[in-house]
Amino acid sequence: MTGWDVADLTGPDGEDWRVPASELAARQHQLAERMRDEGQPGVLIQHPVDLYYFTGGRQNASMFIPAAEAGGSHQAGGNGPVLFVRRSLQRALYEGGGSDCPHDVESFPRMKQFAEVLSARGVVHAPSLQFGEVPKSYSDRFVSALSPLGDCKDATSIIHAQREVKSRWEQEQLNAAADVQLRMFEAVKAVGGEGVTELELVAAAEAVSRSEGFGGQVYMRRFPLQCDRGVIVAGRAGGIPSFFDSAVGGTGAHPLNGMGSGFTRIKANEPVLVDLVHAHRGYIVDMTRMFVAGSLDTTWVSRLEDMVAVKDTVVDVLDRGGLCSEAWNEGFALAEELGHAEHLMGMAPDQSRFLGHSVGLQLDESPVVARGFDRPLPIGATMAIEPKVVHSEGSIGTEDTWIRDDDGMRPISADGLWPAITEW
């Protein structure tokens, strides 16, 4: 066999798992208007996650989207959005919608001709780049190539802001992810018990996730762009910090993967924190629950009840349209009143300073329930809210993924469908 066919690019049972062309068109149109409103002439999208968001695929490519009414736009007599592809052009066209693709798909020109090619499409000013996303050595090549058209601005925050609000189609993917995630927790419940290792529990959850189409990567914005999506920590392992900016570190399997689950075995009556992420067609849900082989003593139960109260406080602030920073202030104040200030989201000096993080195609999207985020969670935005306390003998907490809709905060992940504590 010497070739391949786009008919091979399917989901389970032959399902078409492409992003709908109408969804791509709407995203491109919205970004064009945002670029115009921000006074930028257009943007060259190059980050892999954003390429998927705007083009429907993740090829070796750069996508130009002109600002509405700016040079290169249809309104100004230009050719409109275009995806310049190094490889694979055939796949890029198919994943962009085939005959319904809302943008042109062309082979990537030689770099010294790039500005000329854009000019031929009606572009008169250098497009903005994603300086906050791509390596400087990479972006510098494009700054140089585009210099005949002028200086490049930064469009990173404009794209991040657009992606905060999830469309109806995106919300459907998140709901599908939550259904799979429940089965992951069911797998952990089925195989867990005294003597089982953390990694054995992760393997059971991973088997469910992978069989349902998880692609193997959890994308992050923050360098070093690394995360273990199955953080299951038992007993004292839950009190070990790691490089990762989160409440719970864990031993990891070895020093290069020094976070999350390792070879610690479950002991009777010790807290086992299970924090699992699943991504359906790229869209992430995040959830944490507690397990125990036997039963937790009253001290641990009381700590968990306090974290549920902190979670309720954060949700209530966001539900009424309060600022994310206000949700942090009220949540932290309650945790401090309950005696957890030195253990909230880690132990000093290794504490994280947030109580919730937005999720979507990346695990660490904006806004965040933390100081400095002086704006509400937008309508249509999705956030994982995760108050936890960490002690040397273990960690405990809760987490669900929520969406703020017109009626307020609504859980996407299990919420009350899965108990706060499960006993093996």
Protein backbone atom coordinates (compact mmCIF):
# COMPACT_ATOMS: atom_id res chain seq x y z
CA MET A 1 0.00 0.00 0.00
CA THR A 2 1.60 3.27 -1.11
CA GLY A 3 -0.88 5.88 0.08
CA TRP A 4 -3.54 6.66 2.63
CA ASP A 5 -7.13 7.81 2.60
CA VAL A 6 -8.87 10.47 4.69
CA ALA A 7 -11.62 7.88 5.26
CA ASP A 8 -9.21 6.34 7.79
CA LEU A 9 -9.43 9.46 9.99
CA THR A 10 -12.40 8.49 12.13
CA GLY A 11 -13.44 8.23 15.71
CA PRO A 12 -14.91 5.06 17.28
CA ASP A 13 -17.17 2.98 15.03
CA GLY A 14 -16.47 5.30 12.13
CA GLU A 15 -17.76 8.45 13.84
CA ASP A 16 -16.72 11.79 12.37
CA TRP A 17 -14.75 13.42 15.19
CA ARG A 18 -13.79 16.54 13.27
CA VAL A 19 -14.65 19.95 14.67
CA PRO A 20 -17.69 21.11 12.64
CA ALA A 21 -16.76 23.54 9.86
CA SER A 22 -19.47 25.91 11.09
CA GLU A 23 -17.77 25.96 14.51
CA LEU A 24 -14.42 26.82 12.92
CA ALA A 25 -16.00 29.57 10.82
CA ALA A 26 -17.64 31.13 13.88
CA ARG A 27 -14.35 31.09 15.81
CA GLN A 28 -12.43 32.67 12.95
CA HIS A 29 -15.09 35.36 12.52
CA GLN A 30 -15.08 36.16 16.22
CA LEU A 31 -11.30 36.44 16.33
CA ALA A 32 -11.29 38.73 13.28
CA GLU A 33 -13.68 41.07 15.10
CA ARG A 34 -11.64 40.92 18.31
CA MET A 35 -8.47 41.79 16.39
CA ARG A 36 -10.21 44.76 14.80
CA ASP A 37 -11.52 45.94 18.16
CA GLU A 38 -7.99 45.72 19.63
CA GLY A 39 -6.51 47.70 16.76
CA GLN A 40 -4.43 44.83 15.40
CA PRO A 41 -4.36 44.03 11.65
CA GLY A 42 -4.51 40.26 11.91
CA VAL A 43 -2.75 37.33 13.52
CA LEU A 44 -0.52 34.42 12.59
CA ILE A 45 -1.58 31.46 14.73
CA GLN A 46 1.15 28.90 15.40
CA HIS A 47 0.57 27.33 18.81
CA PRO A 48 -0.60 23.70 18.39
CA VAL A 49 -3.65 24.01 20.65
CA ASP A 50 -4.79 27.21 18.97
CA LEU A 51 -4.24 25.67 15.53
CA TYR A 52 -6.66 22.91 16.56
CA TYR A 53 -9.11 25.47 17.92
CA PHE A 54 -9.18 27.58 14.76
CA THR A 55 -8.38 25.05 11.98
CA GLY A 56 -9.72 21.73 13.29
CA GLY A 57 -6.32 20.01 13.21
CA ARG A 58 -2.83 20.12 14.58
CA GLN A 59 -0.54 20.15 11.57
CA ASN A 60 2.90 21.71 11.08
CA ALA A 61 1.38 24.96 9.95
CA SER A 62 0.72 28.67 10.50
CA MET A 63 -2.72 30.20 10.11
CA PHE A 64 -3.29 33.81 9.09
CA ILE A 65 -6.57 35.41 10.13
CA PRO A 66 -6.98 39.05 9.07
CA ALA A 67 -8.80 41.46 11.34
CA ALA A 68 -12.31 42.31 10.22
CA GLU A 69 -12.18 44.99 7.50
CA ALA A 70 -8.36 45.02 7.54
CA GLY A 71 -6.03 44.23 4.65
CA GLY A 72 -6.39 40.62 3.60
CA SER A 73 -9.99 40.33 4.82
CA HIS A 74 -12.90 39.57 2.52
CA GLN A 75 -14.45 42.93 3.45
CA ALA A 76 -11.34 44.71 2.16
CA GLY A 77 -11.19 42.67 -1.04
CA GLY A 78 -8.61 40.19 0.24
CA ASN A 79 -8.63 36.39 0.31
CA GLY A 80 -9.53 35.91 3.98
CA PRO A 81 -8.12 33.31 6.41
CA VAL A 82 -5.52 30.87 5.16
CA LEU A 83 -3.64 27.93 6.64
CA PHE A 84 -0.08 27.58 5.37
CA VAL A 85 0.93 23.93 5.82
CA ARG A 86 4.30 22.23 5.80
CA ARG A 87 2.76 18.83 6.47
CA SER A 88 0.28 17.32 6.03
CA LEU A 89 -1.61 19.48 3.55
CA GLN A 90 -4.08 16.75 2.60
CA ARG A 91 -4.91 16.04 6.23
CA ALA A 92 -5.18 19.75 7.05
CA LEU A 93 -7.78 20.25 4.35
CA TYR A 94 -9.83 17.26 5.47
CA GLU A 95 -9.72 18.15 9.17
CA GLY A 96 -10.67 21.73 8.34
CA GLY A 97 -13.94 20.53 6.81
CA GLY A 98 -12.99 19.31 3.33
CA SER A 99 -15.20 21.00 0.76
CA ASP A 100 -16.84 22.97 3.61
CA CYS A 101 -13.51 24.27 4.97
CA PRO A 102 -13.99 27.95 5.94
CA HIS A 103 -10.37 28.90 5.16
CA ASP A 104 -7.90 28.40 2.35
CA VAL A 105 -5.30 25.67 2.73
CA GLU A 106 -1.99 26.18 0.94
CA SER A 107 1.55 24.85 1.02
CA PHE A 108 3.89 26.86 3.21
CA PRO A 109 5.92 29.28 1.09
CA ARG A 110 9.64 29.86 1.42
CA MET A 111 10.30 32.15 4.38
CA LYS A 112 11.94 34.86 2.29
CA GLN A 113 8.74 34.99 0.20
CA PHE A 114 6.32 34.92 3.10
CA ALA A 115 5.67 38.67 3.30
CA GLU A 116 5.22 38.78 -0.47
CA VAL A 117 2.68 35.95 -0.38
CA LEU A 118 0.67 37.74 2.31
CA SER A 119 0.84 40.98 0.33
CA ALA A 120 -0.62 39.18 -2.68
CA ARG A 121 -3.58 38.25 -0.47
CA GLY A 122 -4.21 41.93 0.31
CA VAL A 123 -2.23 42.20 3.57
CA VAL A 124 -0.68 45.62 4.15
CA HIS A 125 0.51 45.40 7.78
CA ALA A 126 2.48 42.69 9.57
CA PRO A 127 0.20 40.31 11.46
CA SER A 128 0.49 39.86 15.20
CA LEU A 129 2.19 36.76 16.61
CA GLN A 130 1.73 34.64 19.73
CA PHE A 131 4.78 35.88 21.60
CA GLY A 132 3.35 34.53 24.86
CA GLU A 133 3.01 31.01 23.49
CA VAL A 134 5.81 30.10 21.06
CA PRO A 135 9.59 30.06 21.71
CA LYS A 136 11.41 33.30 20.97
CA SER A 137 13.81 31.64 18.57
CA TYR A 138 10.82 30.45 16.55
CA SER A 139 8.91 33.73 16.57
CA ASP A 140 12.07 35.69 15.73
CA ARG A 141 12.23 33.94 12.37
CA PHE A 142 8.77 35.22 11.52
CA VAL A 143 9.43 38.71 12.86
CA SER A 144 12.33 38.88 10.42
CA ALA A 145 10.38 37.39 7.51
CA LEU A 146 7.45 39.76 8.07
CA SER A 147 9.58 42.88 8.57
CA PRO A 148 8.78 44.25 5.06
CA LEU A 149 5.20 44.62 6.34
CA GLY A 150 6.21 46.32 9.60
CA ASP A 151 6.44 45.31 13.26
CA CYS A 152 4.51 42.43 14.79
CA LYS A 153 2.35 42.92 17.86
CA ASP A 154 1.31 40.26 20.39
CA ALA A 155 -2.13 38.60 20.13
CA THR A 156 -1.70 36.06 22.94
CA SER A 157 -4.16 37.63 25.39
CA ILE A 158 -6.77 38.24 22.67
CA ILE A 159 -6.86 34.54 21.78
CA HIS A 160 -6.88 33.47 25.44
CA ALA A 161 -9.85 35.75 26.12
CA GLN A 162 -11.84 34.29 23.23
CA ARG A 163 -11.23 30.74 24.35
CA GLU A 164 -12.52 31.43 27.87
CA VAL A 165 -16.14 31.22 26.72
CA LYS A 166 -17.17 27.78 25.49
CA SER A 167 -19.66 27.34 22.67
CA ARG A 168 -22.57 24.94 22.86
CA TRP A 169 -20.53 22.40 20.85
CA GLU A 170 -17.59 22.73 23.23
CA GLN A 171 -19.88 22.22 26.21
CA GLU A 172 -21.14 19.02 24.62
CA GLN A 173 -17.57 17.72 24.49
CA LEU A 174 -17.05 18.60 28.14
CA ASN A 175 -20.21 16.74 29.11
CA ALA A 176 -19.03 13.70 27.14
CA ALA A 177 -15.68 13.89 28.93
CA ALA A 178 -17.44 13.91 32.30
CA ASP A 179 -19.32 10.71 31.42
CA VAL A 180 -16.04 8.94 30.71
CA GLN A 181 -14.47 10.37 33.83
CA LEU A 182 -17.16 8.77 35.98
CA ARG A 183 -16.22 5.38 34.56
CA MET A 184 -12.58 6.11 35.42
CA PHE A 185 -13.56 6.57 39.06
CA GLU A 186 -15.60 3.39 38.90
CA ALA A 187 -12.47 1.56 37.70
CA VAL A 188 -10.48 2.93 40.64
CA LYS A 189 -13.19 1.77 43.00
CA ALA A 190 -13.20 -1.70 41.45
CA VAL A 191 -9.46 -2.42 41.71
CA GLY A 192 -8.46 -0.46 44.83
CA GLY A 193 -7.80 -1.70 48.30
CA GLU A 194 -5.08 -2.29 50.87
CA GLY A 195 -1.73 -3.18 49.29
CA VAL A 196 -2.53 -1.83 45.82
CA THR A 197 -0.04 0.72 44.46
CA GLU A 198 -0.91 4.21 43.29
CA LEU A 199 0.31 3.36 39.79
CA GLU A 200 -1.94 0.31 39.61
CA LEU A 201 -4.92 2.55 40.32
CA VAL A 202 -3.80 5.04 37.68
CA ALA A 203 -3.42 2.22 35.18
CA ALA A 204 -7.03 1.14 35.73
CA ALA A 205 -8.30 4.68 35.19
CA GLU A 206 -6.02 5.17 32.18
CA ALA A 207 -7.35 2.02 30.53
CA VAL A 208 -10.87 3.44 30.56
CA SER A 209 -9.75 6.86 29.34
CA ARG A 210 -7.58 5.57 26.52
CA SER A 211 -10.22 3.14 25.31
CA GLU A 212 -12.65 6.07 25.01
CA GLY A 213 -10.30 8.11 22.82
CA PHE A 214 -7.99 10.09 25.10
CA GLY A 215 -5.10 11.19 22.90
CA GLY A 216 -2.34 10.83 25.48
CA GLN A 217 -1.60 14.51 26.20
CA VAL A 218 -2.85 17.06 28.70
CA TYR A 219 -1.91 20.48 27.37
CA MET A 220 -0.66 23.25 29.62
CA ARG A 221 0.05 26.95 29.00
CA ARG A 222 2.55 27.47 31.74
CA PHE A 223 6.13 26.35 31.19
CA PRO A 224 7.33 23.58 31.52
CA LEU A 225 4.04 22.52 29.91
CA GLN A 226 4.01 19.26 31.84
CA CYS A 227 1.34 17.54 33.91
CA ASP A 228 0.51 14.03 35.08
CA ARG A 229 -3.23 13.71 34.57
CA GLY A 230 -3.64 10.82 36.99
CA VAL A 231 -2.60 12.09 40.43
CA ILE A 232 -3.46 9.36 42.91
CA VAL A 233 -1.59 9.70 46.20
CA ALA A 234 -1.91 7.43 49.23
CA GLY A 235 -1.14 8.38 52.82
CA ARG A 236 2.19 10.14 53.37
CA ALA A 237 2.84 10.38 49.62
CA GLY A 238 0.07 12.97 49.57
CA GLY A 239 2.23 15.27 51.68
CA ILE A 240 5.25 15.29 49.35
CA PRO A 241 5.61 18.48 47.28
CA SER A 242 6.70 18.55 43.64
CA PHE A 243 7.75 21.05 40.95
CA PHE A 244 4.14 21.38 39.84
CA ASP A 245 2.10 24.39 40.99
CA SER A 246 -0.74 22.51 42.63
CA ALA A 247 -1.82 21.54 46.11
CA VAL A 248 -0.76 17.91 45.80
CA GLY A 249 2.64 16.78 44.53
CA GLY A 250 3.24 13.07 45.11
CA THR A 251 6.33 10.95 44.61
CA GLY A 252 5.97 10.33 40.90
CA ALA A 253 7.35 7.19 39.29
CA HIS A 254 10.97 8.47 39.20
CA PRO A 255 12.78 11.82 39.52
CA LEU A 256 12.25 12.90 35.89
CA ASN A 257 8.50 12.34 36.45
CA GLY A 258 8.59 13.68 39.98
CA MET A 259 4.91 14.34 40.51
CA GLY A 260 1.77 12.30 40.82
CA SER A 261 1.55 8.59 41.43
CA GLY A 262 4.37 6.25 42.31
CA PHE A 263 4.94 2.91 44.00
CA THR A 264 3.37 3.78 47.36
CA ARG A 265 0.95 1.08 48.49
CA ILE A 266 -2.39 1.78 50.08
CA LYS A 267 -2.51 1.21 53.82
CA ALA A 268 -5.59 0.69 55.97
CA ASN A 269 -7.46 3.80 57.09
CA GLU A 270 -5.15 6.28 55.31
CA PRO A 271 -6.53 8.93 52.95
CA VAL A 272 -6.14 8.20 49.23
CA LEU A 273 -6.65 11.30 47.10
CA VAL A 274 -7.74 10.53 43.54
CA ASP A 275 -7.44 13.47 41.12
CA LEU A 276 -8.27 12.42 37.55
CA VAL A 277 -8.39 14.35 34.28
CA HIS A 278 -10.04 13.15 31.09
CA ALA A 279 -9.99 14.95 27.74
CA HIS A 280 -12.65 14.18 25.14
CA ARG A 281 -11.65 15.39 21.67
CA GLY A 282 -9.29 17.71 23.49
CA TYR A 283 -11.72 19.11 26.08
CA ILE A 284 -10.71 18.63 29.71
CA VAL A 285 -12.65 17.87 32.87
CA ASP A 286 -10.96 17.66 36.27
CA MET A 287 -12.31 15.95 39.38
CA THR A 288 -11.01 14.83 42.80
CA ARG A 289 -12.51 12.44 45.34
CA MET A 290 -11.27 10.65 48.44
CA PHE A 291 -10.92 6.88 48.89
CA VAL A 292 -9.88 4.77 51.87
CA ALA A 293 -9.24 1.10 52.61
CA GLY A 294 -11.35 0.89 55.76
CA SER A 295 -12.45 4.25 57.15
CA LEU A 296 -11.05 7.71 57.80
CA ASP A 297 -10.81 9.00 61.34
CA THR A 298 -12.80 12.01 62.44
CA THR A 299 -9.88 14.42 61.96
CA TRP A 300 -9.64 13.65 58.25
CA VAL A 301 -13.41 13.69 57.84
CA SER A 302 -13.58 17.10 59.52
CA ARG A 303 -10.87 18.45 57.19
CA LEU A 304 -12.79 17.22 54.17
CA GLU A 305 -16.02 18.78 55.42
CA ASP A 306 -14.17 22.08 55.79
CA MET A 307 -12.89 21.88 52.21
CA VAL A 308 -16.41 21.22 50.97
CA ALA A 309 -17.49 24.37 52.83
CA VAL A 310 -14.67 26.35 51.15
CA LYS A 311 -15.75 24.96 47.78
CA ASP A 312 -19.33 26.03 48.43
CA THR A 313 -18.11 29.54 49.29
CA VAL A 314 -16.08 29.85 46.08
CA VAL A 315 -18.97 28.55 43.97
CA ASP A 316 -21.39 30.96 45.65
CA VAL A 317 -19.21 34.00 44.89
CA LEU A 318 -18.83 33.00 41.24
CA ASP A 319 -22.50 32.08 40.99
CA ARG A 320 -23.59 35.61 41.87
CA GLY A 321 -21.11 37.15 39.43
CA GLY A 322 -18.46 38.09 41.98
CA LEU A 323 -14.83 38.58 41.03
CA CYS A 324 -12.49 35.59 40.90
CA SER A 325 -10.21 37.43 43.34
CA GLU A 326 -13.18 37.90 45.66
CA ALA A 327 -13.85 34.14 45.52
CA TRP A 328 -10.22 33.57 46.56
CA ASN A 329 -10.45 36.09 49.40
CA GLU A 330 -13.65 34.62 50.82
CA GLY A 331 -12.51 31.02 50.36
CA PHE A 332 -9.14 31.67 51.98
CA ALA A 333 -10.74 33.62 54.84
CA LEU A 334 -13.01 30.68 55.63
CA ALA A 335 -10.12 28.20 55.44
CA GLU A 336 -8.11 30.45 57.77
CA GLU A 337 -11.03 30.72 60.20
CA LEU A 338 -11.27 26.93 60.23
CA GLY A 339 -7.57 26.62 61.05
CA HIS A 340 -6.17 25.56 57.66
CA ALA A 341 -4.18 28.61 56.54
CA GLU A 342 -0.81 26.82 56.85
CA HIS A 343 -2.03 23.74 55.00
CA LEU A 344 -4.40 25.07 52.34
CA MET A 345 -3.27 24.01 48.84
CA GLY A 346 -0.03 22.64 50.24
CA MET A 347 2.20 23.05 53.27
CA ALA A 348 4.32 26.15 53.79
CA PRO A 349 6.54 27.06 52.04
CA ASP A 350 5.23 24.96 49.12
CA GLN A 351 1.67 26.30 48.99
CA SER A 352 -0.18 27.12 45.79
CA ARG A 353 -2.16 30.36 45.84
CA PHE A 354 -5.35 29.49 44.01
CA LEU A 355 -8.58 27.64 44.66
CA GLY A 356 -9.77 27.12 41.08
CA HIS A 357 -8.41 27.12 37.54
CA SER A 358 -10.26 27.42 34.25
CA VAL A 359 -10.17 24.44 31.90
CA GLY A 360 -10.86 23.82 28.23
CA LEU A 361 -8.34 22.58 25.68
CA GLN A 362 -5.70 23.29 28.33
CA LEU A 363 -5.67 22.48 32.02
CA ASP A 364 -4.52 25.92 33.17
CA GLU A 365 -6.68 28.41 31.29
CA SER A 366 -7.82 31.79 32.57
CA PRO A 367 -9.25 33.20 34.73
CA VAL A 368 -8.09 31.69 38.04
CA VAL A 369 -9.56 31.92 41.55
CA ALA A 370 -6.60 33.82 42.92
CA ARG A 371 -5.42 37.30 43.81
CA GLY A 372 -5.15 39.64 40.85
CA PHE A 373 -8.00 38.17 38.81
CA ASP A 374 -10.32 41.10 39.42
CA ARG A 375 -13.08 40.04 37.08
CA PRO A 376 -15.94 37.57 37.22
CA LEU A 377 -15.95 34.16 35.60
CA PRO A 378 -17.52 34.89 32.19
CA ILE A 379 -20.86 33.36 31.21
CA GLY A 380 -19.96 30.19 29.31
CA ALA A 381 -16.58 29.73 31.02
CA THR A 382 -15.57 26.46 32.70
CA MET A 383 -13.56 26.12 35.89
CA ALA A 384 -12.24 23.35 38.14
CA ILE A 385 -12.69 24.34 41.79
CA GLU A 386 -10.41 22.34 44.06
CA PRO A 387 -9.82 23.31 47.70
CA LYS A 388 -7.46 20.84 49.39
CA VAL A 389 -5.40 20.66 52.57
CA VAL A 390 -2.05 18.95 52.82
CA HIS A 391 -0.33 17.51 55.90
CA SER A 392 2.78 15.41 56.28
CA GLU A 393 0.62 12.33 56.75
CA GLY A 394 -1.49 12.93 53.63
CA SER A 395 -3.81 15.22 51.73
CA ILE A 396 -7.56 15.58 51.40
CA GLY A 397 -9.98 17.69 49.39
CA THR A 398 -12.57 17.83 46.68
CA GLU A 399 -12.81 19.05 43.09
CA ASP A 400 -15.37 19.35 40.33
CA THR A 401 -15.49 21.12 36.99
CA TRP A 402 -18.17 23.81 36.70
CA ILE A 403 -19.64 26.03 34.03
CA ARG A 404 -21.18 29.43 34.64
CA ASP A 405 -24.30 29.76 32.50
CA ASP A 406 -27.19 32.23 32.50
CA ASP A 407 -28.60 30.60 35.64
CA GLY A 408 -25.31 30.58 37.58
CA MET A 409 -22.78 27.87 38.38
CA ARG A 410 -23.60 24.36 37.19
CA PRO A 411 -21.44 21.24 37.69
CA ILE A 412 -20.13 19.45 34.61
CA SER A 413 -18.35 16.63 36.44
CA ALA A 414 -20.03 14.32 38.93
CA ASP A 415 -20.61 16.70 41.87
CA GLY A 416 -23.20 14.89 44.02
CA LEU A 417 -23.28 11.82 41.74
CA TRP A 418 -20.08 10.55 43.37
CA PRO A 419 -19.61 10.58 47.18
CA ALA A 420 -16.94 12.66 48.86
CA ILE A 421 -15.43 9.49 50.38
CA THR A 422 -15.51 5.97 48.95
CA GLU A 423 -14.54 3.03 51.17
CA TRP A 424 -12.92 -0.13 49.81
